[in-house]
Amino acid sequence: MSLFEEHKAERRARIIEAARALVTKHGYDGLTMRDLAEAARVSVPTLYNLFEGGKDAILVAELERASIVIASRIKVDGSFFERGMSAFEAGMDLIEAQPAFFRAAMRMFLTSPVTGEMRRRVEDGYVAIMASNLRAAKKAGQLVDWVDPEIVARHMHAQYMACFLAWGIGELDFPSFRAAALSGICHLLIGVTTGPFNAEAVARLKKLYKEAALHPTKEVRHAAKSKSKSNDR
């Protein structure tokens, strides 16, 4: 890498770090390019030169960086289920550490009229992580031979994003988000995996059911009370 490229990469990293801090403090709507330029010690034109698309592109760059972090934390010597769970937990760790940022990213994707292509690029990166593990599982005979690993990965991503959205708008707290996303993914995997992969997914799902019975969410408790009142009538 040339000195120019090193300097450019350093400025990009500084801008992303500043954006993360400002979004955490002021939210997505409170992030302005002028404030960001001041916090990152660059000019406003430099921001647009380095991130075509403005603040949306900066948030996308951080999401893409997060996917690289997740990929780097995948267990290379574990079972296929363990590899998948290591990616899942890495993603959850990032969200738990920066909840305001990830809520802002979700808001951007929902409200910005120009982020469609950016969203697809981010989605493709996360799907690729899951599909790679599923392709290896299929090669090892632990994924049924008639399914396409990428299609399964996209269904897993859709399930995860539905729970992410519920968390982002406040319908789920973080533990419930984590449990709901993991439950949905395990239910999906049970239908397409075989051998040890399937056995581990079943075991993890059974554990989730047991944990839910011992520690029901507010929604479950509310439903149980409503049912009880109905039975008393």
Protein backbone atom coordinates (compact mmCIF):
# COMPACT_ATOMS: atom_id res chain seq x y z
CA MET A 1 0.00 0.00 0.00
CA SER A 2 1.35 3.39 -1.01
CA LEU A 3 1.72 6.27 1.43
CA PHE A 4 -1.25 7.98 -0.24
CA GLU A 5 -3.44 4.89 0.19
CA GLU A 6 -2.36 4.55 3.82
CA HIS A 7 -3.29 8.17 4.47
CA LYS A 8 -6.64 7.69 2.74
CA ALA A 9 -7.39 4.55 4.77
CA GLU A 10 -6.46 6.34 8.00
CA ARG A 11 -8.82 9.23 7.21
CA ARG A 12 -11.64 6.83 6.32
CA ALA A 13 -11.17 4.97 9.60
CA ARG A 14 -11.12 8.25 11.53
CA ILE A 15 -14.31 9.41 9.84
CA ILE A 16 -16.12 6.13 10.52
CA GLU A 17 -15.09 6.21 14.18
CA ALA A 18 -16.33 9.80 14.51
CA ALA A 19 -19.60 8.92 12.78
CA ARG A 20 -20.12 6.01 15.14
CA ALA A 21 -19.66 8.29 18.14
CA LEU A 22 -21.94 11.04 16.79
CA VAL A 23 -24.69 8.61 15.84
CA THR A 24 -24.54 7.07 19.30
CA LYS A 25 -24.89 10.52 20.84
CA HIS A 26 -27.34 12.25 18.48
CA GLY A 27 -28.98 9.49 16.42
CA TYR A 28 -29.16 9.13 12.64
CA ASP A 29 -31.10 12.36 12.08
CA GLY A 30 -28.66 14.28 14.27
CA LEU A 31 -25.63 13.26 12.21
CA THR A 32 -24.61 16.18 9.98
CA MET A 33 -21.68 16.26 7.57
CA ARG A 34 -20.45 19.53 9.06
CA ASP A 35 -20.33 18.12 12.60
CA LEU A 36 -18.76 14.92 11.30
CA ALA A 37 -16.06 16.82 9.39
CA GLU A 38 -15.19 18.77 12.54
CA ALA A 39 -15.09 15.65 14.72
CA ALA A 40 -12.95 13.73 12.20
CA ARG A 41 -10.66 16.72 11.54
CA VAL A 42 -11.28 16.79 7.79
CA SER A 43 -13.11 19.12 5.42
CA VAL A 44 -16.68 18.54 4.26
CA PRO A 45 -15.52 18.07 0.62
CA THR A 46 -13.11 15.40 1.86
CA LEU A 47 -16.02 13.51 3.42
CA TYR A 48 -17.83 13.41 0.11
CA ASN A 49 -14.65 12.49 -1.79
CA LEU A 50 -14.00 9.54 0.49
CA PHE A 51 -17.63 8.46 0.89
CA GLU A 52 -19.74 9.04 -2.19
CA GLY A 53 -23.28 9.02 -0.89
CA GLY A 54 -22.69 11.10 2.23
CA LYS A 55 -23.57 9.90 5.70
CA ASP A 56 -25.48 6.86 4.40
CA ALA A 57 -22.33 5.60 2.69
CA ILE A 58 -20.36 6.09 5.91
CA LEU A 59 -22.82 3.96 7.89
CA VAL A 60 -22.72 1.30 5.18
CA ALA A 61 -18.92 1.27 5.35
CA GLU A 62 -19.15 0.52 9.07
CA LEU A 63 -21.64 -2.28 8.45
CA GLU A 64 -19.30 -3.77 5.85
CA ARG A 65 -16.43 -3.52 8.33
CA ALA A 66 -18.61 -5.34 10.86
CA SER A 67 -19.11 -8.22 8.42
CA ILE A 68 -15.33 -8.55 8.08
CA VAL A 69 -14.98 -8.62 11.88
CA ILE A 70 -17.64 -11.34 12.09
CA ALA A 71 -15.94 -13.43 9.40
CA SER A 72 -12.63 -13.17 11.25
CA ARG A 73 -14.19 -14.57 14.44
CA ILE A 74 -15.65 -17.73 12.91
CA LYS A 75 -14.30 -20.90 14.50
CA VAL A 76 -12.32 -22.70 11.82
CA ASP A 77 -11.88 -25.94 13.76
CA GLY A 78 -15.41 -26.39 15.12
CA SER A 79 -18.43 -28.22 13.77
CA PHE A 80 -20.59 -26.59 11.13
CA PHE A 81 -23.11 -25.58 13.78
CA GLU A 82 -20.37 -24.16 16.01
CA ARG A 83 -18.98 -22.15 13.10
CA GLY A 84 -22.37 -20.70 12.39
CA MET A 85 -22.97 -19.90 16.05
CA SER A 86 -19.58 -18.19 16.35
CA ALA A 87 -20.60 -15.84 13.51
CA PHE A 88 -24.00 -15.30 15.14
CA GLU A 89 -22.48 -14.48 18.52
CA ALA A 90 -19.89 -12.16 16.96
CA GLY A 91 -22.68 -10.20 15.29
CA MET A 92 -24.67 -10.02 18.51
CA ASP A 93 -21.60 -8.80 20.40
CA LEU A 94 -21.17 -5.94 17.93
CA ILE A 95 -24.82 -4.91 18.19
CA GLU A 96 -24.84 -5.11 21.98
CA ALA A 97 -21.71 -2.94 22.12
CA GLN A 98 -23.13 -0.30 19.74
CA PRO A 99 -26.95 -0.42 19.96
CA ALA A 100 -27.48 3.22 19.00
CA PHE A 101 -25.36 2.86 15.88
CA PHE A 102 -27.13 -0.26 14.66
CA ARG A 103 -30.55 1.27 15.31
CA ALA A 104 -29.43 4.26 13.24
CA ALA A 105 -28.30 1.94 10.44
CA MET A 106 -31.69 0.24 10.46
CA ARG A 107 -33.43 3.62 10.34
CA MET A 108 -31.27 4.59 7.39
CA PHE A 109 -32.25 1.50 5.42
CA LEU A 110 -35.94 2.04 6.19
CA THR A 111 -36.15 5.75 5.44
CA SER A 112 -33.43 6.71 2.97
CA PRO A 113 -34.59 6.70 -0.67
CA VAL A 114 -31.08 6.09 -2.01
CA THR A 115 -29.81 3.13 0.01
CA GLY A 116 -31.29 0.22 -1.95
CA GLU A 117 -28.04 -0.69 -3.69
CA MET A 118 -26.06 -0.14 -0.49
CA ARG A 119 -28.45 -2.38 1.45
CA ARG A 120 -28.09 -5.16 -1.11
CA ARG A 121 -24.30 -4.91 -0.93
CA VAL A 122 -24.33 -5.21 2.85
CA GLU A 123 -26.85 -8.07 2.70
CA ASP A 124 -24.72 -9.95 0.16
CA GLY A 125 -21.73 -9.70 2.48
CA TYR A 126 -23.56 -11.21 5.46
CA VAL A 127 -25.26 -13.88 3.32
CA ALA A 128 -21.87 -14.88 1.90
CA ILE A 129 -20.59 -15.67 5.41
CA MET A 130 -23.50 -18.05 6.09
CA ALA A 131 -23.53 -19.55 2.59
CA SER A 132 -19.84 -20.43 2.80
CA ASN A 133 -20.43 -22.50 5.94
CA LEU A 134 -23.50 -24.16 4.42
CA ARG A 135 -21.62 -25.06 1.22
CA ALA A 136 -18.93 -26.74 3.31
CA ALA A 137 -21.65 -28.60 5.25
CA LYS A 138 -23.23 -29.77 2.00
CA LYS A 139 -19.88 -31.03 0.74
CA ALA A 140 -19.51 -32.98 3.99
CA GLY A 141 -22.99 -34.48 3.62
CA GLN A 142 -24.55 -32.53 6.50
CA LEU A 143 -26.86 -30.41 4.35
CA VAL A 144 -29.54 -32.17 2.29
CA ASP A 145 -28.46 -32.50 -1.31
CA TRP A 146 -31.49 -30.82 -2.91
CA VAL A 147 -31.14 -27.37 -1.31
CA ASP A 148 -29.14 -24.37 -2.50
CA PRO A 149 -26.88 -23.12 0.34
CA GLU A 150 -27.24 -19.49 -0.76
CA ILE A 151 -31.04 -19.66 -0.71
CA VAL A 152 -30.94 -21.15 2.78
CA ALA A 153 -28.51 -18.40 3.84
CA ARG A 154 -30.83 -15.71 2.49
CA HIS A 155 -33.77 -17.18 4.42
CA MET A 156 -31.61 -17.19 7.55
CA HIS A 157 -30.69 -13.57 6.94
CA ALA A 158 -34.35 -12.63 6.42
CA GLN A 159 -35.29 -14.31 9.69
CA TYR A 160 -32.53 -12.48 11.50
CA MET A 161 -33.48 -9.12 9.99
CA ALA A 162 -37.13 -9.53 11.04
CA CYS A 163 -35.99 -9.90 14.65
CA PHE A 164 -33.48 -7.07 14.21
CA LEU A 165 -36.29 -4.80 13.05
CA ALA A 166 -38.47 -5.74 16.04
CA TRP A 167 -35.56 -4.92 18.36
CA GLY A 168 -34.80 -1.68 16.52
CA ILE A 169 -38.32 -0.31 16.97
CA GLY A 170 -38.48 -1.39 20.61
CA GLU A 171 -40.78 -4.42 20.38
CA LEU A 172 -38.04 -6.71 21.71
CA ASP A 173 -35.34 -6.11 24.30
CA PHE A 174 -31.87 -7.36 23.43
CA PRO A 175 -32.08 -10.80 25.13
CA SER A 176 -35.42 -11.44 23.43
CA PHE A 177 -33.98 -10.32 20.08
CA ARG A 178 -31.09 -12.73 20.48
CA ALA A 179 -33.32 -15.64 21.51
CA ALA A 180 -35.90 -15.01 18.77
CA ALA A 181 -33.28 -14.75 16.04
CA LEU A 182 -31.48 -17.89 17.20
CA SER A 183 -34.75 -19.81 17.54
CA GLY A 184 -35.82 -18.90 14.01
CA ILE A 185 -32.47 -19.85 12.53
CA CYS A 186 -32.41 -23.19 14.38
CA HIS A 187 -35.94 -24.04 13.27
CA LEU A 188 -34.89 -23.33 9.69
CA LEU A 189 -31.67 -25.35 9.93
CA ILE A 190 -33.43 -28.41 11.36
CA GLY A 191 -35.39 -28.75 8.11
CA VAL A 192 -32.33 -28.82 5.82
CA THR A 193 -29.46 -30.31 7.84
CA THR A 194 -28.47 -33.89 8.58
CA GLY A 195 -26.08 -35.75 10.87
CA PRO A 196 -24.19 -33.85 13.58
CA PHE A 197 -25.24 -30.47 12.18
CA ASN A 198 -28.90 -31.38 12.62
CA ALA A 199 -28.36 -32.93 16.06
CA GLU A 200 -26.62 -29.77 17.34
CA ALA A 201 -29.33 -27.50 15.94
CA VAL A 202 -32.02 -29.64 17.61
CA ALA A 203 -30.14 -29.63 20.92
CA ARG A 204 -29.70 -25.85 20.84
CA LEU A 205 -33.36 -25.32 20.00
CA LYS A 206 -34.47 -27.59 22.85
CA LYS A 207 -32.28 -25.55 25.19
CA LEU A 208 -33.92 -22.36 23.94
CA TYR A 209 -37.38 -23.80 24.61
CA LYS A 210 -36.34 -24.78 28.14
CA GLU A 211 -34.88 -21.33 28.78
CA ALA A 212 -38.05 -19.69 27.47
CA ALA A 213 -40.18 -21.79 29.82
CA LEU A 214 -38.07 -20.75 32.80
CA HIS A 215 -37.67 -17.09 31.78
CA PRO A 216 -40.64 -16.05 29.62
CA THR A 217 -40.56 -12.67 27.92
CA LYS A 218 -43.03 -9.91 28.79
CA GLU A 219 -45.04 -10.83 25.72
CA VAL A 220 -45.28 -14.48 26.77
CA ARG A 221 -46.23 -13.57 30.35
CA HIS A 222 -48.89 -11.17 29.08
CA ALA A 223 -50.32 -13.84 26.80
CA ALA A 224 -50.34 -16.38 29.62
CA LYS A 225 -52.21 -13.95 31.92
CA SER A 226 -54.75 -13.20 29.21
CA LYS A 227 -55.36 -16.90 28.64
CA SER A 228 -55.72 -17.48 32.36
CA LYS A 229 -58.32 -14.71 32.66
CA SER A 230 -60.25 -16.17 29.73
CA ASN A 231 -60.30 -19.61 31.36
CA ASP A 232 -61.59 -18.09 34.60
CA ARG A 233 -64.61 -16.58 32.89
